[in-house]
PDB file of N, CA and C in Angstrom:
ATOM      1  N   UNK A   1     -35.955  17.099  -2.393  1.00  0.00           N
ATOM      2  CA  UNK A   1     -35.139  18.283  -2.582  1.00  0.00           C
ATOM      3  C   UNK A   1     -35.251  18.767  -4.026  1.00  0.00           C
ATOM      4  N   UNK A   2     -34.956  20.041  -4.205  1.00  0.00           N
ATOM      5  CA  UNK A   2     -34.978  20.631  -5.544  1.00  0.00           C
ATOM      6  C   UNK A   2     -33.631  20.425  -6.225  1.00  0.00           C
ATOM      7  N   UNK A   3     -33.695  20.177  -7.512  1.00  0.00           N
ATOM      8  CA  UNK A   3     -32.489  20.055  -8.312  1.00  0.00           C
ATOM      9  C   UNK A   3     -32.095  21.439  -8.798  1.00  0.00           C
ATOM     10  N   UNK A   4     -30.871  21.857  -8.495  1.00  0.00           N
ATOM     11  CA  UNK A   4     -30.421  23.205  -8.823  1.00  0.00           C
ATOM     12  C   UNK A   4     -29.101  23.119  -9.579  1.00  0.00           C
ATOM     13  N   UNK A   5     -28.964  23.956 -10.623  1.00  0.00           N
ATOM     14  CA  UNK A   5     -27.706  24.036 -11.367  1.00  0.00           C
ATOM     15  C   UNK A   5     -26.839  25.074 -10.665  1.00  0.00           C
ATOM     16  N   UNK A   6     -25.893  24.609  -9.852  1.00  0.00           N
ATOM     17  CA  UNK A   6     -25.038  25.535  -9.112  1.00  0.00           C
ATOM     18  C   UNK A   6     -23.768  24.810  -8.681  1.00  0.00           C
ATOM     19  N   UNK A   7     -22.709  25.564  -8.548  1.00  0.00           N
ATOM     20  CA  UNK A   7     -21.452  25.011  -8.060  1.00  0.00           C
ATOM     21  C   UNK A   7     -21.569  24.747  -6.564  1.00  0.00           C
ATOM     22  N   UNK A   8     -20.809  23.789  -6.090  1.00  0.00           N
ATOM     23  CA  UNK A   8     -20.802  23.499  -4.664  1.00  0.00           C
ATOM     24  C   UNK A   8     -20.347  24.731  -3.896  1.00  0.00           C
ATOM     25  N   UNK A   9     -19.314  25.378  -4.407  1.00  0.00           N
ATOM     26  CA  UNK A   9     -18.824  26.632  -3.835  1.00  0.00           C
ATOM     27  C   UNK A   9     -18.973  27.705  -4.907  1.00  0.00           C
ATOM     28  N   UNK A  10     -19.700  28.759  -4.599  1.00  0.00           N
ATOM     29  CA  UNK A  10     -19.917  29.829  -5.570  1.00  0.00           C
ATOM     30  C   UNK A  10     -18.650  30.663  -5.751  1.00  0.00           C
ATOM     31  N   UNK A  11     -18.391  31.035  -6.991  1.00  0.00           N
ATOM     32  CA  UNK A  11     -17.267  31.899  -7.341  1.00  0.00           C
ATOM     33  C   UNK A  11     -17.823  33.146  -8.003  1.00  0.00           C
ATOM     34  N   UNK A  12     -17.122  34.275  -7.890  1.00  0.00           N
ATOM     35  CA  UNK A  12     -17.628  35.523  -8.491  1.00  0.00           C
ATOM     36  C   UNK A  12     -17.855  35.409  -9.999  1.00  0.00           C
ATOM     37  N   UNK A  13     -17.057  34.560 -10.659  1.00  0.00           N
ATOM     38  CA  UNK A  13     -17.185  34.431 -12.105  1.00  0.00           C
ATOM     39  C   UNK A  13     -18.252  33.415 -12.533  1.00  0.00           C
ATOM     40  N   UNK A  14     -18.986  32.855 -11.577  1.00  0.00           N
ATOM     41  CA  UNK A  14     -20.030  31.884 -11.894  1.00  0.00           C
ATOM     42  C   UNK A  14     -21.308  32.595 -12.318  1.00  0.00           C
ATOM     43  N   UNK A  15     -21.416  32.893 -13.593  1.00  0.00           N
ATOM     44  CA  UNK A  15     -22.681  33.379 -14.131  1.00  0.00           C
ATOM     45  C   UNK A  15     -22.813  32.845 -15.550  1.00  0.00           C
ATOM     46  N   UNK A  16     -23.921  33.138 -16.178  1.00  0.00           N
ATOM     47  CA  UNK A  16     -24.203  32.570 -17.491  1.00  0.00           C
ATOM     48  C   UNK A  16     -23.492  33.288 -18.629  1.00  0.00           C
ATOM     49  N   UNK A  17     -22.754  34.346 -18.344  1.00  0.00           N
ATOM     50  CA  UNK A  17     -22.215  35.177 -19.416  1.00  0.00           C
ATOM     51  C   UNK A  17     -20.691  35.177 -19.528  1.00  0.00           C
ATOM     52  N   UNK A  18     -19.980  34.678 -18.531  1.00  0.00           N
ATOM     53  CA  UNK A  18     -18.516  34.713 -18.542  1.00  0.00           C
ATOM     54  C   UNK A  18     -17.951  33.897 -19.703  1.00  0.00           C
ATOM     55  N   UNK A  19     -18.307  32.621 -19.785  1.00  0.00           N
ATOM     56  CA  UNK A  19     -17.737  31.773 -20.832  1.00  0.00           C
ATOM     57  C   UNK A  19     -18.152  32.210 -22.237  1.00  0.00           C
ATOM     58  N   UNK A  20     -19.431  32.542 -22.484  1.00  0.00           N
ATOM     59  CA  UNK A  20     -19.768  33.027 -23.828  1.00  0.00           C
ATOM     60  C   UNK A  20     -19.035  34.320 -24.175  1.00  0.00           C
ATOM     61  N   UNK A  21     -18.814  35.181 -23.184  1.00  0.00           N
ATOM     62  CA  UNK A  21     -18.083  36.420 -23.425  1.00  0.00           C
ATOM     63  C   UNK A  21     -16.640  36.154 -23.823  1.00  0.00           C
ATOM     64  N   UNK A  22     -16.015  35.201 -23.160  1.00  0.00           N
ATOM     65  CA  UNK A  22     -14.642  34.827 -23.513  1.00  0.00           C
ATOM     66  C   UNK A  22     -14.604  34.262 -24.925  1.00  0.00           C
ATOM     67  N   UNK A  23     -15.551  33.396 -25.247  1.00  0.00           N
ATOM     68  CA  UNK A  23     -15.627  32.846 -26.603  1.00  0.00           C
ATOM     69  C   UNK A  23     -15.753  33.965 -27.625  1.00  0.00           C
ATOM     70  N   UNK A  24     -16.652  34.905 -27.363  1.00  0.00           N
ATOM     71  CA  UNK A  24     -16.890  36.004 -28.301  1.00  0.00           C
ATOM     72  C   UNK A  24     -15.640  36.867 -28.472  1.00  0.00           C
ATOM     73  N   UNK A  25     -15.009  37.245 -27.378  1.00  0.00           N
ATOM     74  CA  UNK A  25     -13.874  38.178 -27.437  1.00  0.00           C
ATOM     75  C   UNK A  25     -12.561  37.534 -27.862  1.00  0.00           C
ATOM     76  N   UNK A  26     -12.334  36.284 -27.440  1.00  0.00           N
ATOM     77  CA  UNK A  26     -11.010  35.693 -27.609  1.00  0.00           C
ATOM     78  C   UNK A  26     -10.918  34.618 -28.684  1.00  0.00           C
ATOM     79  N   UNK A  27     -12.051  34.099 -29.137  1.00  0.00           N
ATOM     80  CA  UNK A  27     -12.012  33.005 -30.110  1.00  0.00           C
ATOM     81  C   UNK A  27     -12.523  33.446 -31.479  1.00  0.00           C
ATOM     82  N   UNK A  28     -13.655  34.125 -31.515  1.00  0.00           N
ATOM     83  CA  UNK A  28     -14.255  34.498 -32.794  1.00  0.00           C
ATOM     84  C   UNK A  28     -13.495  35.633 -33.467  1.00  0.00           C
ATOM     85  N   UNK A  29     -13.325  35.516 -34.786  1.00  0.00           N
ATOM     86  CA  UNK A  29     -12.747  36.629 -35.534  1.00  0.00           C
ATOM     87  C   UNK A  29     -13.875  37.592 -35.922  1.00  0.00           C
ATOM     88  N   UNK A  30     -13.518  38.695 -36.563  1.00  0.00           N
ATOM     89  CA  UNK A  30     -14.514  39.729 -36.890  1.00  0.00           C
ATOM     90  C   UNK A  30     -15.646  39.193 -37.759  1.00  0.00           C
ATOM     91  N   UNK A  31     -15.308  38.378 -38.755  1.00  0.00           N
ATOM     92  CA  UNK A  31     -16.337  37.829 -39.644  1.00  0.00           C
ATOM     93  C   UNK A  31     -17.294  36.923 -38.870  1.00  0.00           C
ATOM     94  N   UNK A  32     -16.764  36.109 -37.974  1.00  0.00           N
ATOM     95  CA  UNK A  32     -17.603  35.212 -37.176  1.00  0.00           C
ATOM     96  C   UNK A  32     -18.489  36.002 -36.216  1.00  0.00           C
ATOM     97  N   UNK A  33     -17.955  37.072 -35.647  1.00  0.00           N
ATOM     98  CA  UNK A  33     -18.755  37.922 -34.758  1.00  0.00           C
ATOM     99  C   UNK A  33     -19.932  38.526 -35.514  1.00  0.00           C
ATOM    100  N   UNK A  34     -19.682  38.973 -36.738  1.00  0.00           N
ATOM    101  CA  UNK A  34     -20.747  39.578 -37.528  1.00  0.00           C
ATOM    102  C   UNK A  34     -21.793  38.540 -37.932  1.00  0.00           C
ATOM    103  N   UNK A  35     -21.352  37.352 -38.328  1.00  0.00           N
ATOM    104  CA  UNK A  35     -22.301  36.281 -38.680  1.00  0.00           C
ATOM    105  C   UNK A  35     -23.163  35.913 -37.479  1.00  0.00           C
ATOM    106  N   UNK A  36     -22.549  35.821 -36.311  1.00  0.00           N
ATOM    107  CA  UNK A  36     -23.294  35.496 -35.098  1.00  0.00           C
ATOM    108  C   UNK A  36     -24.376  36.532 -34.842  1.00  0.00           C
ATOM    109  N   UNK A  37     -24.012  37.805 -34.906  1.00  0.00           N
ATOM    110  CA  UNK A  37     -24.983  38.882 -34.664  1.00  0.00           C
ATOM    111  C   UNK A  37     -26.112  38.839 -35.685  1.00  0.00           C
ATOM    112  N   UNK A  38     -25.784  38.606 -36.946  1.00  0.00           N
ATOM    113  CA  UNK A  38     -26.813  38.548 -37.985  1.00  0.00           C
ATOM    114  C   UNK A  38     -27.723  37.340 -37.811  1.00  0.00           C
ATOM    115  N   UNK A  39     -27.171  36.214 -37.386  1.00  0.00           N
ATOM    116  CA  UNK A  39     -27.994  35.028 -37.127  1.00  0.00           C
ATOM    117  C   UNK A  39     -28.940  35.255 -35.953  1.00  0.00           C
ATOM    118  N   UNK A  40     -28.439  35.884 -34.908  1.00  0.00           N
ATOM    119  CA  UNK A  40     -29.287  36.192 -33.751  1.00  0.00           C
ATOM    120  C   UNK A  40     -30.399  37.139 -34.174  1.00  0.00           C
ATOM    121  N   UNK A  41     -30.049  38.193 -34.911  1.00  0.00           N
ATOM    122  CA  UNK A  41     -31.043  39.166 -35.370  1.00  0.00           C
ATOM    123  C   UNK A  41     -32.087  38.495 -36.253  1.00  0.00           C
ATOM    124  N   UNK A  42     -31.672  37.575 -37.094  1.00  0.00           N
ATOM    125  CA  UNK A  42     -32.615  36.854 -37.945  1.00  0.00           C
ATOM    126  C   UNK A  42     -33.592  36.021 -37.139  1.00  0.00           C
ATOM    127  N   UNK A  43     -33.121  35.435 -36.052  1.00  0.00           N
ATOM    128  CA  UNK A  43     -33.987  34.623 -35.195  1.00  0.00           C
ATOM    129  C   UNK A  43     -34.969  35.475 -34.404  1.00  0.00           C
ATOM    130  N   UNK A  44     -34.710  36.772 -34.313  1.00  0.00           N
ATOM    131  CA  UNK A  44     -35.578  37.677 -33.546  1.00  0.00           C
ATOM    132  C   UNK A  44     -36.751  38.210 -34.360  1.00  0.00           C
ATOM    133  N   UNK A  45     -36.787  37.938 -35.652  1.00  0.00           N
ATOM    134  CA  UNK A  45     -37.861  38.479 -36.487  1.00  0.00           C
ATOM    135  C   UNK A  45     -39.221  38.072 -35.933  1.00  0.00           C
ATOM    136  N   UNK A  46     -40.107  39.045 -35.812  1.00  0.00           N
ATOM    137  CA  UNK A  46     -41.465  38.785 -35.357  1.00  0.00           C
ATOM    138  C   UNK A  46     -41.670  38.847 -33.857  1.00  0.00           C
ATOM    139  N   UNK A  47     -40.623  39.132 -33.086  1.00  0.00           N
ATOM    140  CA  UNK A  47     -40.796  39.203 -31.631  1.00  0.00           C
ATOM    141  C   UNK A  47     -41.400  40.555 -31.246  1.00  0.00           C
ATOM    142  N   UNK A  48     -42.011  40.596 -30.076  1.00  0.00           N
ATOM    143  CA  UNK A  48     -42.583  41.847 -29.577  1.00  0.00           C
ATOM    144  C   UNK A  48     -41.460  42.804 -29.183  1.00  0.00           C
ATOM    145  N   UNK A  49     -41.819  44.068 -29.015  1.00  0.00           N
ATOM    146  CA  UNK A  49     -40.824  45.076 -28.646  1.00  0.00           C
ATOM    147  C   UNK A  49     -40.191  44.771 -27.291  1.00  0.00           C
ATOM    148  N   UNK A  50     -40.977  44.252 -26.354  1.00  0.00           N
ATOM    149  CA  UNK A  50     -40.421  43.939 -25.033  1.00  0.00           C
ATOM    150  C   UNK A  50     -39.421  42.788 -25.118  1.00  0.00           C
ATOM    151  N   UNK A  51     -39.707  41.805 -25.955  1.00  0.00           N
ATOM    152  CA  UNK A  51     -38.768  40.696 -26.138  1.00  0.00           C
ATOM    153  C   UNK A  51     -37.519  41.190 -26.862  1.00  0.00           C
ATOM    154  N   UNK A  52     -37.712  42.070 -27.827  1.00  0.00           N
ATOM    155  CA  UNK A  52     -36.583  42.665 -28.552  1.00  0.00           C
ATOM    156  C   UNK A  52     -35.624  43.348 -27.570  1.00  0.00           C
ATOM    157  N   UNK A  53     -36.157  44.168 -26.670  1.00  0.00           N
ATOM    158  CA  UNK A  53     -35.319  44.857 -25.688  1.00  0.00           C
ATOM    159  C   UNK A  53     -34.619  43.871 -24.760  1.00  0.00           C
ATOM    160  N   UNK A  54     -35.335  42.818 -24.382  1.00  0.00           N
ATOM    161  CA  UNK A  54     -34.741  41.795 -23.520  1.00  0.00           C
ATOM    162  C   UNK A  54     -33.590  41.097 -24.242  1.00  0.00           C
ATOM    163  N   UNK A  55     -33.739  40.857 -25.541  1.00  0.00           N
ATOM    164  CA  UNK A  55     -32.663  40.247 -26.339  1.00  0.00           C
ATOM    165  C   UNK A  55     -31.424  41.129 -26.347  1.00  0.00           C
ATOM    166  N   UNK A  56     -31.619  42.431 -26.508  1.00  0.00           N
ATOM    167  CA  UNK A  56     -30.473  43.347 -26.498  1.00  0.00           C
ATOM    168  C   UNK A  56     -29.761  43.291 -25.149  1.00  0.00           C
ATOM    169  N   UNK A  57     -30.547  43.271 -24.075  1.00  0.00           N
ATOM    170  CA  UNK A  57     -29.951  43.175 -22.734  1.00  0.00           C
ATOM    171  C   UNK A  57     -29.167  41.872 -22.597  1.00  0.00           C
ATOM    172  N   UNK A  58     -29.765  40.781 -23.035  1.00  0.00           N
ATOM    173  CA  UNK A  58     -29.151  39.458 -22.896  1.00  0.00           C
ATOM    174  C   UNK A  58     -27.815  39.391 -23.625  1.00  0.00           C
ATOM    175  N   UNK A  59     -27.816  39.772 -24.904  1.00  0.00           N
ATOM    176  CA  UNK A  59     -26.590  39.670 -25.693  1.00  0.00           C
ATOM    177  C   UNK A  59     -25.565  40.714 -25.277  1.00  0.00           C
ATOM    178  N   UNK A  60     -25.975  41.853 -24.777  1.00  0.00           N
ATOM    179  CA  UNK A  60     -25.042  42.846 -24.236  1.00  0.00           C
ATOM    180  C   UNK A  60     -24.409  42.347 -22.946  1.00  0.00           C
ATOM    181  N   UNK A  61     -25.101  41.463 -22.240  1.00  0.00           N
ATOM    182  CA  UNK A  61     -24.532  40.871 -21.029  1.00  0.00           C
ATOM    183  C   UNK A  61     -23.386  39.922 -21.365  1.00  0.00           C
ATOM    184  N   UNK A  62     -23.443  39.322 -22.548  1.00  0.00           N
ATOM    185  CA  UNK A  62     -22.330  38.495 -23.018  1.00  0.00           C
ATOM    186  C   UNK A  62     -21.162  39.409 -23.373  1.00  0.00           C
ATOM    187  N   UNK A  63     -21.451  40.447 -24.173  1.00  0.00           N
ATOM    188  CA  UNK A  63     -20.446  41.438 -24.554  1.00  0.00           C
ATOM    189  C   UNK A  63     -21.172  42.652 -25.123  1.00  0.00           C
ATOM    190  N   UNK A  64     -20.773  43.839 -24.709  1.00  0.00           N
ATOM    191  CA  UNK A  64     -21.426  45.071 -25.180  1.00  0.00           C
ATOM    192  C   UNK A  64     -21.382  45.186 -26.699  1.00  0.00           C
ATOM    193  N   UNK A  65     -20.257  44.813 -27.289  1.00  0.00           N
ATOM    194  CA  UNK A  65     -20.125  44.872 -28.744  1.00  0.00           C
ATOM    195  C   UNK A  65     -21.128  43.941 -29.421  1.00  0.00           C
ATOM    196  N   UNK A  66     -21.303  42.745 -28.885  1.00  0.00           N
ATOM    197  CA  UNK A  66     -22.268  41.806 -29.462  1.00  0.00           C
ATOM    198  C   UNK A  66     -23.674  42.369 -29.384  1.00  0.00           C
ATOM    199  N   UNK A  67     -24.040  42.935 -28.250  1.00  0.00           N
ATOM    200  CA  UNK A  67     -25.366  43.536 -28.112  1.00  0.00           C
ATOM    201  C   UNK A  67     -25.598  44.628 -29.131  1.00  0.00           C
ATOM    202  N   UNK A  68     -24.589  45.457 -29.357  1.00  0.00           N
ATOM    203  CA  UNK A  68     -24.716  46.540 -30.336  1.00  0.00           C
ATOM    204  C   UNK A  68     -24.806  45.996 -31.753  1.00  0.00           C
ATOM    205  N   UNK A  69     -24.026  44.972 -32.049  1.00  0.00           N
ATOM    206  CA  UNK A  69     -24.088  44.364 -33.389  1.00  0.00           C
ATOM    207  C   UNK A  69     -25.463  43.750 -33.648  1.00  0.00           C
ATOM    208  N   UNK A  70     -26.016  43.085 -32.643  1.00  0.00           N
ATOM    209  CA  UNK A  70     -27.348  42.489 -32.793  1.00  0.00           C
ATOM    210  C   UNK A  70     -28.368  43.590 -33.045  1.00  0.00           C
ATOM    211  N   UNK A  71     -28.286  44.657 -32.276  1.00  0.00           N
ATOM    212  CA  UNK A  71     -29.222  45.782 -32.430  1.00  0.00           C
ATOM    213  C   UNK A  71     -29.124  46.378 -33.835  1.00  0.00           C
ATOM    214  N   UNK A  72     -27.919  46.582 -34.311  1.00  0.00           N
ATOM    215  CA  UNK A  72     -27.705  47.145 -35.646  1.00  0.00           C
ATOM    216  C   UNK A  72     -28.208  46.196 -36.729  1.00  0.00           C
ATOM    217  N   UNK A  73     -27.901  44.915 -36.594  1.00  0.00           N
ATOM    218  CA  UNK A  73     -28.335  43.931 -37.591  1.00  0.00           C
ATOM    219  C   UNK A  73     -29.852  43.799 -37.605  1.00  0.00           C
ATOM    220  N   UNK A  74     -30.477  43.850 -36.431  1.00  0.00           N
ATOM    221  CA  UNK A  74     -31.935  43.732 -36.362  1.00  0.00           C
ATOM    222  C   UNK A  74     -32.595  44.958 -36.983  1.00  0.00           C
ATOM    223  N   UNK A  75     -32.049  46.135 -36.721  1.00  0.00           N
ATOM    224  CA  UNK A  75     -32.593  47.372 -37.303  1.00  0.00           C
ATOM    225  C   UNK A  75     -32.497  47.334 -38.825  1.00  0.00           C
ATOM    226  N   UNK A  76     -31.439  46.740 -39.353  1.00  0.00           N
ATOM    227  CA  UNK A  76     -31.258  46.654 -40.805  1.00  0.00           C
ATOM    228  C   UNK A  76     -32.278  45.715 -41.444  1.00  0.00           C
ATOM    229  N   UNK A  77     -32.807  44.762 -40.674  1.00  0.00           N
ATOM    230  CA  UNK A  77     -33.787  43.808 -41.199  1.00  0.00           C
ATOM    231  C   UNK A  77     -35.204  44.360 -41.204  1.00  0.00           C
ATOM    232  N   UNK A  78     -35.441  45.435 -40.475  1.00  0.00           N
ATOM    233  CA  UNK A  78     -36.797  45.994 -40.376  1.00  0.00           C
ATOM    234  C   UNK A  78     -37.187  46.713 -41.647  1.00  0.00           C
TER     235      UNK A  78
END
């Protein structure tokens, strides 16, 4: 059999973005949110344009604000 990462019973909130989104919105303060976005943008240096767009989609799936912050921080590094 194949090994699969899944709950025995699926719930609507079972996805890869719910918990990170809660952490971002409810735990991190503004300074921490900005540091996170800048660290992510720094790690993206040298990626192709298609990977760059995928990164924006990924982090926006966690939280729209985070995706926008990453995009802004990455643009500032160019």
